[in-house]
């Protein structure tokens, strides 16, 4: 049984708790922590979260950067800038261009990169993804993927090429808004997406990332589901590290407006509750959030941060501009003569969403050090496994 099976059984029984997902002592404790808190209570939670973070992660912050491979997509999602029906500038990077983007990030210090792409089997195939990983693996030891959900066997070439992590957000764990927001495409399959982390674990990924996109449904409902999913993965995928992301809606093509708010105060409460209840899980904070808030959350419970991010293919080097095109409901449309004439404004691929913290990686690293935290650019190398295997063979 997967988490998706258990979740589905809970839905059919009429309430999540009837299926047992919210009944555990840990989930009951988490639910109490999400109840409205006074400033004094919230401060106490924040202090406890900080202590727990130091106990399990020391004074470190792992840094990573997203590298967007393609903004082609066959899904129609009302809130996403890459939605098929948005008439945006699209491109899929060639392998040489992917390498150029990655080398730019490596020159800034990054050794952990998240490869991101929309869902389009024609452009973003499993072989293309495996080739991207293999091309970057010699100089980027930490490679994770945020791509369309796949079967376990489809992930195998990527793991064999050197990918270590798989990130997939459920977006919303609430079935009704999920069905309304995902109008067309494979992403409409709610439970298929939910079971993705366990398929990735079976393929050999050693890091699993989950999360919800806050703004699509009431935040406490989403938080409870994310926590239940985390508890399940920690129990059933215990060989992998689990990370939790808490992205909030940002402006994007299509101009979708968030329906629900997760205010800053409640976001602090949620991060503290997750850290206290899941002390070994990684908590991720992206450049979606403004710099002052990110600075305030750095010491609290966050253990992974993106820095200097671009959310469009070719965003770091300008790669791929020669292959830009538009789509209209999935139909390829070449650029106009006006757009391509000499002297016309330079075009670039459309971003998935606007970032808020636009500081450079070096600036964020300096800020971390002023707070007594050590930026970690590299925390993994396959040589560790080779040495362990050699020692085991010699024993």
Protein backbone atom coordinates (compact mmCIF):
# COMPACT_ATOMS: atom_id res chain seq x y z
CA UNK A 1 0.00 0.00 0.00
CA UNK A 2 1.24 3.48 -0.89
CA UNK A 3 0.41 6.76 0.78
CA UNK A 4 -1.91 7.46 -2.15
CA UNK A 5 -3.79 4.22 -1.40
CA UNK A 6 -4.16 5.16 2.25
CA UNK A 7 -5.20 8.69 1.35
CA UNK A 8 -7.78 7.41 -1.12
CA UNK A 9 -9.20 5.01 1.47
CA UNK A 10 -9.51 7.91 3.89
CA UNK A 11 -11.40 9.96 1.32
CA UNK A 12 -13.85 7.15 0.62
CA UNK A 13 -14.46 6.67 4.34
CA UNK A 14 -15.49 10.31 4.63
CA UNK A 15 -12.59 11.78 6.61
CA UNK A 16 -8.83 11.52 6.63
CA UNK A 17 -8.77 10.54 10.30
CA UNK A 18 -11.08 7.60 9.61
CA UNK A 19 -8.29 6.04 7.58
CA UNK A 20 -5.82 6.62 10.36
CA UNK A 21 -3.65 9.19 8.59
CA UNK A 22 -4.23 11.87 11.22
CA UNK A 23 -4.64 9.61 14.26
CA UNK A 24 -1.03 8.99 15.27
CA UNK A 25 0.29 10.74 18.39
CA UNK A 26 2.72 12.66 16.18
CA UNK A 27 -0.05 13.95 13.92
CA UNK A 28 -2.18 14.91 16.89
CA UNK A 29 0.75 16.86 18.32
CA UNK A 30 1.30 18.55 14.97
CA UNK A 31 -2.38 19.52 14.77
CA UNK A 32 -2.19 21.16 18.20
CA UNK A 33 0.83 23.17 17.06
CA UNK A 34 -1.17 24.55 14.13
CA UNK A 35 -3.87 25.98 16.38
CA UNK A 36 -3.88 29.79 16.72
CA UNK A 37 -1.04 30.90 19.00
CA UNK A 38 -0.34 33.99 21.06
CA UNK A 39 2.91 35.87 20.34
CA UNK A 40 4.39 34.35 23.49
CA UNK A 41 3.46 30.81 22.46
CA UNK A 42 4.81 31.36 18.96
CA UNK A 43 8.09 32.67 20.33
CA UNK A 44 8.44 29.56 22.49
CA UNK A 45 7.82 27.35 19.44
CA UNK A 46 10.43 29.26 17.46
CA UNK A 47 13.02 28.84 20.21
CA UNK A 48 12.34 25.11 20.42
CA UNK A 49 12.57 24.76 16.64
CA UNK A 50 15.92 26.52 16.63
CA UNK A 51 17.29 24.20 19.32
CA UNK A 52 16.07 21.11 17.44
CA UNK A 53 17.63 22.37 14.21
CA UNK A 54 21.03 22.87 15.85
CA UNK A 55 20.86 19.41 17.42
CA UNK A 56 20.27 17.67 14.09
CA UNK A 57 21.89 19.94 11.49
CA UNK A 58 24.39 22.02 13.41
CA UNK A 59 24.89 25.59 12.23
CA UNK A 60 24.78 24.79 8.52
CA UNK A 61 22.65 25.77 5.52
CA UNK A 62 22.74 23.71 2.33
CA UNK A 63 22.58 25.91 -0.78
CA UNK A 64 21.27 24.87 -4.19
CA UNK A 65 20.16 26.44 -7.45
CA UNK A 66 17.38 25.44 -9.86
CA UNK A 67 18.39 24.89 -13.48
CA UNK A 68 15.40 25.01 -15.82
CA UNK A 69 15.76 22.70 -18.80
CA UNK A 70 12.46 23.36 -20.57
CA UNK A 71 9.24 25.32 -20.14
CA UNK A 72 7.33 23.20 -22.65
CA UNK A 73 4.27 21.59 -21.04
CA UNK A 74 1.22 19.59 -22.10
CA UNK A 75 -0.71 20.24 -18.88
CA UNK A 76 -3.30 22.97 -18.41
CA UNK A 77 -2.94 24.21 -14.83
CA UNK A 78 -4.71 27.45 -13.98
CA UNK A 79 -2.00 28.71 -11.61
CA UNK A 80 1.21 27.82 -13.49
CA UNK A 81 3.18 30.10 -15.78
CA UNK A 82 4.12 27.12 -17.98
CA UNK A 83 0.49 26.03 -18.53
CA UNK A 84 -0.06 24.80 -22.11
CA UNK A 85 -2.68 27.46 -22.85
CA UNK A 86 -0.46 30.41 -21.89
CA UNK A 87 0.94 32.06 -25.07
CA UNK A 88 4.48 32.30 -23.68
CA UNK A 89 8.00 32.12 -25.08
CA UNK A 90 9.22 28.54 -24.77
CA UNK A 91 12.43 26.60 -25.33
CA UNK A 92 14.11 23.33 -24.41
CA UNK A 93 17.85 23.56 -23.84
CA UNK A 94 20.25 21.34 -25.78
CA UNK A 95 22.82 19.36 -23.78
CA UNK A 96 25.64 21.82 -24.48
CA UNK A 97 23.41 24.64 -23.26
CA UNK A 98 22.49 22.70 -20.11
CA UNK A 99 26.18 22.21 -19.41
CA UNK A 100 26.88 25.91 -19.96
CA UNK A 101 24.18 26.84 -17.45
CA UNK A 102 25.53 24.33 -14.93
CA UNK A 103 29.12 25.51 -15.33
CA UNK A 104 27.95 29.07 -14.66
CA UNK A 105 26.38 27.87 -11.41
CA UNK A 106 29.46 25.82 -10.53
CA UNK A 107 31.61 28.94 -10.96
CA UNK A 108 29.42 30.61 -8.33
CA UNK A 109 30.14 27.76 -5.93
CA UNK A 110 27.12 25.49 -6.37
CA UNK A 111 27.62 21.74 -6.23
CA UNK A 112 23.92 21.00 -5.62
CA UNK A 113 21.61 21.65 -8.58
CA UNK A 114 17.91 20.98 -9.09
CA UNK A 115 17.01 20.23 -12.73
CA UNK A 116 13.48 21.49 -13.46
CA UNK A 117 11.28 20.97 -16.52
CA UNK A 118 7.67 21.10 -17.56
CA UNK A 119 5.88 17.91 -18.59
CA UNK A 120 6.27 17.24 -22.30
CA UNK A 121 7.38 13.71 -23.33
CA UNK A 122 8.41 14.91 -26.81
CA UNK A 123 10.95 17.40 -25.44
CA UNK A 124 11.64 16.15 -21.91
CA UNK A 125 12.01 12.39 -22.27
CA UNK A 126 13.60 10.07 -19.75
CA UNK A 127 16.61 9.67 -22.07
CA UNK A 128 17.00 13.44 -22.34
CA UNK A 129 16.93 13.76 -18.55
CA UNK A 130 19.41 10.91 -18.09
CA UNK A 131 21.71 12.55 -20.66
CA UNK A 132 21.49 15.87 -18.79
CA UNK A 133 22.43 14.17 -15.52
CA UNK A 134 25.32 12.27 -17.12
CA UNK A 135 26.65 15.47 -18.71
CA UNK A 136 26.68 17.35 -15.39
CA UNK A 137 27.72 14.52 -13.08
CA UNK A 138 31.52 14.93 -13.54
CA UNK A 139 31.46 18.41 -11.94
CA UNK A 140 28.13 18.56 -10.04
CA UNK A 141 27.99 15.80 -7.39
CA UNK A 142 24.52 16.68 -6.09
CA UNK A 143 21.85 16.49 -8.81
CA UNK A 144 18.12 16.35 -8.11
CA UNK A 145 15.16 16.42 -10.49
CA UNK A 146 11.83 18.21 -10.41
CA UNK A 147 10.08 16.79 -13.45
CA UNK A 148 6.88 15.01 -14.43
CA UNK A 149 5.94 11.92 -12.37
CA UNK A 150 7.05 8.68 -14.03
CA UNK A 151 7.02 4.93 -13.57
CA UNK A 152 9.80 3.42 -11.46
CA UNK A 153 11.53 1.91 -14.50
CA UNK A 154 11.59 5.32 -16.20
CA UNK A 155 13.59 6.75 -13.31
CA UNK A 156 16.26 4.03 -13.43
CA UNK A 157 18.39 5.61 -16.21
CA UNK A 158 18.49 8.89 -14.27
CA UNK A 159 19.58 7.19 -11.06
CA UNK A 160 22.19 5.18 -12.95
CA UNK A 161 23.47 8.41 -14.52
CA UNK A 162 24.00 9.87 -11.05
CA UNK A 163 20.82 11.68 -9.96
CA UNK A 164 20.33 11.48 -6.21
CA UNK A 165 17.06 13.33 -5.54
CA UNK A 166 13.51 13.58 -6.84
CA UNK A 167 11.19 16.46 -5.94
CA UNK A 168 7.46 16.39 -6.66
CA UNK A 169 4.93 18.76 -5.16
CA UNK A 170 1.37 17.57 -4.82
CA UNK A 171 0.42 21.25 -5.35
CA UNK A 172 -2.73 20.75 -3.28
CA UNK A 173 -3.76 17.67 -1.31
CA UNK A 174 -7.43 18.68 -1.51
CA UNK A 175 -9.14 16.64 -4.28
CA UNK A 176 -11.82 19.14 -5.29
CA UNK A 177 -9.59 22.17 -5.88
CA UNK A 178 -7.00 19.86 -7.47
CA UNK A 179 -9.56 18.70 -10.06
CA UNK A 180 -10.70 22.26 -10.71
CA UNK A 181 -7.19 23.69 -11.10
CA UNK A 182 -5.75 20.94 -13.30
CA UNK A 183 -7.94 21.25 -16.36
CA UNK A 184 -6.21 18.95 -18.85
CA UNK A 185 -3.17 16.74 -19.22
CA UNK A 186 -1.61 13.85 -17.29
CA UNK A 187 -1.31 16.00 -14.18
CA UNK A 188 -5.06 15.65 -13.66
CA UNK A 189 -4.37 12.23 -12.09
CA UNK A 190 -4.36 13.20 -8.41
CA UNK A 191 -3.39 9.84 -6.90
CA UNK A 192 -0.79 9.00 -9.57
CA UNK A 193 1.07 12.15 -8.62
CA UNK A 194 0.73 11.43 -4.91
CA UNK A 195 2.34 7.99 -5.26
CA UNK A 196 5.31 9.39 -7.18
CA UNK A 197 7.80 9.69 -4.27
CA UNK A 198 7.46 5.99 -3.49
CA UNK A 199 8.05 5.04 -7.13
CA UNK A 200 11.14 7.24 -7.08
CA UNK A 201 12.35 5.57 -3.88
CA UNK A 202 11.95 2.15 -5.50
CA UNK A 203 14.15 3.38 -8.36
CA UNK A 204 16.96 4.25 -5.94
CA UNK A 205 16.71 7.98 -5.29
CA UNK A 206 18.28 8.79 -1.91
CA UNK A 207 16.52 12.15 -1.42
CA UNK A 208 12.76 12.64 -1.72
CA UNK A 209 11.22 16.11 -1.76
CA UNK A 210 7.52 16.84 -1.24
CA UNK A 211 5.39 19.89 -0.54
CA UNK A 212 2.24 21.85 -1.29
CA UNK A 213 1.83 25.13 -3.14
CA UNK A 214 0.29 27.35 -0.50
CA UNK A 215 -2.45 29.58 -1.86
CA UNK A 216 -4.56 26.92 -3.57
CA UNK A 217 -6.39 25.66 -0.45
CA UNK A 218 -6.62 26.54 3.28
CA UNK A 219 -3.11 26.39 4.69
CA UNK A 220 -3.88 24.27 7.76
CA UNK A 221 -5.54 21.61 5.59
CA UNK A 222 -2.49 21.50 3.34
CA UNK A 223 -0.11 21.45 6.29
CA UNK A 224 -1.83 18.45 7.87
CA UNK A 225 -1.67 16.52 4.59
CA UNK A 226 2.00 17.39 4.04
CA UNK A 227 2.78 16.24 7.58
CA UNK A 228 0.89 12.97 7.11
CA UNK A 229 2.75 12.36 3.85
CA UNK A 230 6.06 13.10 5.59
CA UNK A 231 5.29 10.70 8.43
CA UNK A 232 4.43 7.98 5.90
CA UNK A 233 7.60 8.46 3.85
CA UNK A 234 9.84 8.50 6.92
CA UNK A 235 8.36 5.15 7.91
CA UNK A 236 8.16 3.43 4.52
CA UNK A 237 11.08 5.06 2.65
CA UNK A 238 13.42 5.16 5.61
CA UNK A 239 16.65 4.85 3.61
CA UNK A 240 16.02 8.21 1.92
CA UNK A 241 16.24 11.72 3.31
CA UNK A 242 12.90 13.50 3.14
CA UNK A 243 12.71 17.23 2.46
CA UNK A 244 9.66 19.48 2.73
CA UNK A 245 9.12 22.63 0.67
CA UNK A 246 6.63 25.34 1.58
CA UNK A 247 6.31 27.54 -1.53
CA UNK A 248 3.73 30.30 -1.53
CA UNK A 249 2.04 31.47 -4.73
CA UNK A 250 3.94 34.10 -6.71
CA UNK A 251 2.88 36.15 -9.76
CA UNK A 252 3.20 34.21 -13.04
CA UNK A 253 1.94 34.14 -16.63
CA UNK A 254 -1.81 33.63 -16.60
CA UNK A 255 -2.21 36.03 -13.67
CA UNK A 256 -3.80 33.48 -11.35
CA UNK A 257 -4.64 35.01 -7.97
CA UNK A 258 -4.09 32.94 -4.79
CA UNK A 259 -7.37 31.96 -3.18
CA UNK A 260 -6.01 31.52 0.32
CA UNK A 261 -3.27 33.27 2.23
CA UNK A 262 -0.49 31.89 4.36
CA UNK A 263 0.59 35.04 6.24
CA UNK A 264 4.17 35.44 7.43
CA UNK A 265 3.27 34.82 11.07
CA UNK A 266 1.51 31.56 10.27
CA UNK A 267 4.37 30.53 7.98
CA UNK A 268 6.77 30.90 10.91
CA UNK A 269 4.38 28.79 12.99
CA UNK A 270 4.22 26.10 10.30
CA UNK A 271 8.00 25.92 9.90
CA UNK A 272 8.46 25.66 13.66
CA UNK A 273 5.82 22.92 13.92
CA UNK A 274 7.38 20.89 11.11
CA UNK A 275 10.85 21.21 12.57
CA UNK A 276 9.75 20.16 16.07
CA UNK A 277 7.67 17.20 14.85
CA UNK A 278 10.06 16.07 12.09
CA UNK A 279 13.52 16.91 13.47
CA UNK A 280 15.47 15.06 10.76
CA UNK A 281 13.53 16.27 7.72
CA UNK A 282 15.07 18.95 5.54
CA UNK A 283 13.03 22.17 5.29
CA UNK A 284 13.42 24.11 2.03
CA UNK A 285 12.93 27.85 1.45
CA UNK A 286 13.17 29.25 -2.07
CA UNK A 287 13.73 32.68 -3.56
CA UNK A 288 9.95 33.00 -3.91
CA UNK A 289 10.11 34.61 -0.46
CA UNK A 290 11.35 38.18 0.15
CA UNK A 291 14.86 38.69 1.50
CA UNK A 292 13.85 40.06 4.95
CA UNK A 293 11.63 37.03 5.63
CA UNK A 294 14.27 34.60 4.41
CA UNK A 295 16.83 36.26 6.65
CA UNK A 296 14.51 35.92 9.63
CA UNK A 297 13.83 32.25 8.90
CA UNK A 298 17.47 31.26 8.34
CA UNK A 299 18.17 30.48 12.02
CA UNK A 300 14.71 29.07 12.77
CA UNK A 301 14.42 25.69 11.10
CA UNK A 302 15.27 26.00 7.42
CA UNK A 303 18.11 23.73 6.27
CA UNK A 304 18.09 24.16 2.46
CA UNK A 305 17.88 27.42 0.52
CA UNK A 306 18.02 28.34 -3.14
CA UNK A 307 20.09 31.37 -4.11
CA UNK A 308 20.50 33.57 -7.16
CA UNK A 309 17.68 31.70 -8.88
CA UNK A 310 16.25 31.98 -12.38
CA UNK A 311 13.00 30.17 -13.21
CA UNK A 312 13.30 30.17 -17.01
CA UNK A 313 15.40 27.97 -19.32
CA UNK A 314 18.64 29.73 -20.16
CA UNK A 315 18.18 32.23 -17.37
CA UNK A 316 21.80 32.19 -16.22
CA UNK A 317 23.65 32.44 -19.54
CA UNK A 318 21.03 33.40 -22.13
CA UNK A 319 21.30 29.95 -23.70
CA UNK A 320 18.53 28.82 -26.04
CA UNK A 321 17.45 32.21 -27.34
CA UNK A 322 18.02 31.10 -30.94
CA UNK A 323 15.28 28.46 -30.56
CA UNK A 324 12.61 30.56 -28.86
CA UNK A 325 9.03 30.16 -30.06
CA UNK A 326 5.52 30.71 -28.81
CA UNK A 327 2.75 28.21 -28.30
CA UNK A 328 -0.98 28.79 -28.53
CA UNK A 329 -2.89 25.99 -26.79
CA UNK A 330 0.00 23.65 -27.57
CA UNK A 331 0.44 24.81 -31.19
CA UNK A 332 3.95 25.98 -32.19
CA UNK A 333 4.07 29.60 -33.40
CA UNK A 334 7.27 31.13 -34.79
CA UNK A 335 8.37 34.56 -33.65
CA UNK A 336 7.20 37.49 -35.77
CA UNK A 337 9.47 39.51 -38.06
CA UNK A 338 9.02 42.46 -35.73
CA UNK A 339 10.35 40.42 -32.82
CA UNK A 340 13.37 39.12 -34.73
CA UNK A 341 14.43 42.25 -36.64
CA UNK A 342 17.74 43.95 -35.88
CA UNK A 343 17.40 46.33 -32.97
CA UNK A 344 14.35 44.60 -31.51
CA UNK A 345 14.37 44.10 -27.72
CA UNK A 346 16.16 40.91 -26.75
CA UNK A 347 13.77 38.12 -25.87
CA UNK A 348 14.15 35.30 -23.38
CA UNK A 349 12.09 32.29 -22.35
CA UNK A 350 9.18 33.01 -20.03
CA UNK A 351 9.81 32.33 -16.36
CA UNK A 352 7.63 29.97 -14.35
CA UNK A 353 7.11 32.59 -11.64
CA UNK A 354 8.68 35.80 -10.39
CA UNK A 355 11.28 35.46 -7.67
CA UNK A 356 11.34 37.85 -4.73
CA UNK A 357 14.85 37.49 -3.28
CA UNK A 358 17.19 38.53 -6.09
CA UNK A 359 20.43 38.62 -4.09
CA UNK A 360 23.47 36.88 -5.53
CA UNK A 361 24.65 33.56 -4.07
CA UNK A 362 27.69 35.36 -2.61
CA UNK A 363 25.45 37.91 -0.87
CA UNK A 364 23.30 35.18 0.65
CA UNK A 365 26.39 33.27 1.79
CA UNK A 366 27.68 36.43 3.49
CA UNK A 367 24.33 36.93 5.21
CA UNK A 368 24.38 33.36 6.50
CA UNK A 369 27.83 33.90 7.99
CA UNK A 370 26.74 37.09 9.75
CA UNK A 371 24.05 34.97 11.43
CA UNK A 372 26.61 32.40 12.54
CA UNK A 373 25.60 29.84 9.91
CA UNK A 374 27.93 28.04 7.52
CA UNK A 375 26.83 27.88 3.86
CA UNK A 376 27.27 24.34 2.51
CA UNK A 377 27.80 24.18 -1.24
CA UNK A 378 28.60 20.46 -1.39
CA UNK A 379 27.48 17.75 1.03
CA UNK A 380 27.73 14.58 -1.06
CA UNK A 381 30.12 12.75 -3.36
CA UNK A 382 29.68 9.32 -4.94
CA UNK A 383 33.26 8.57 -3.89
CA UNK A 384 31.94 8.07 -0.38
CA UNK A 385 30.02 5.01 -1.56
CA UNK A 386 32.98 3.72 -3.56
CA UNK A 387 35.24 3.94 -0.51
CA UNK A 388 32.64 2.21 1.65
CA UNK A 389 32.18 -0.59 -0.88
CA UNK A 390 35.96 -1.04 -1.17
CA UNK A 391 36.32 -1.22 2.61
CA UNK A 392 33.49 -3.75 2.83
CA UNK A 393 35.07 -5.91 0.11
CA UNK A 394 38.44 -5.84 1.89
CA UNK A 395 36.95 -6.76 5.28
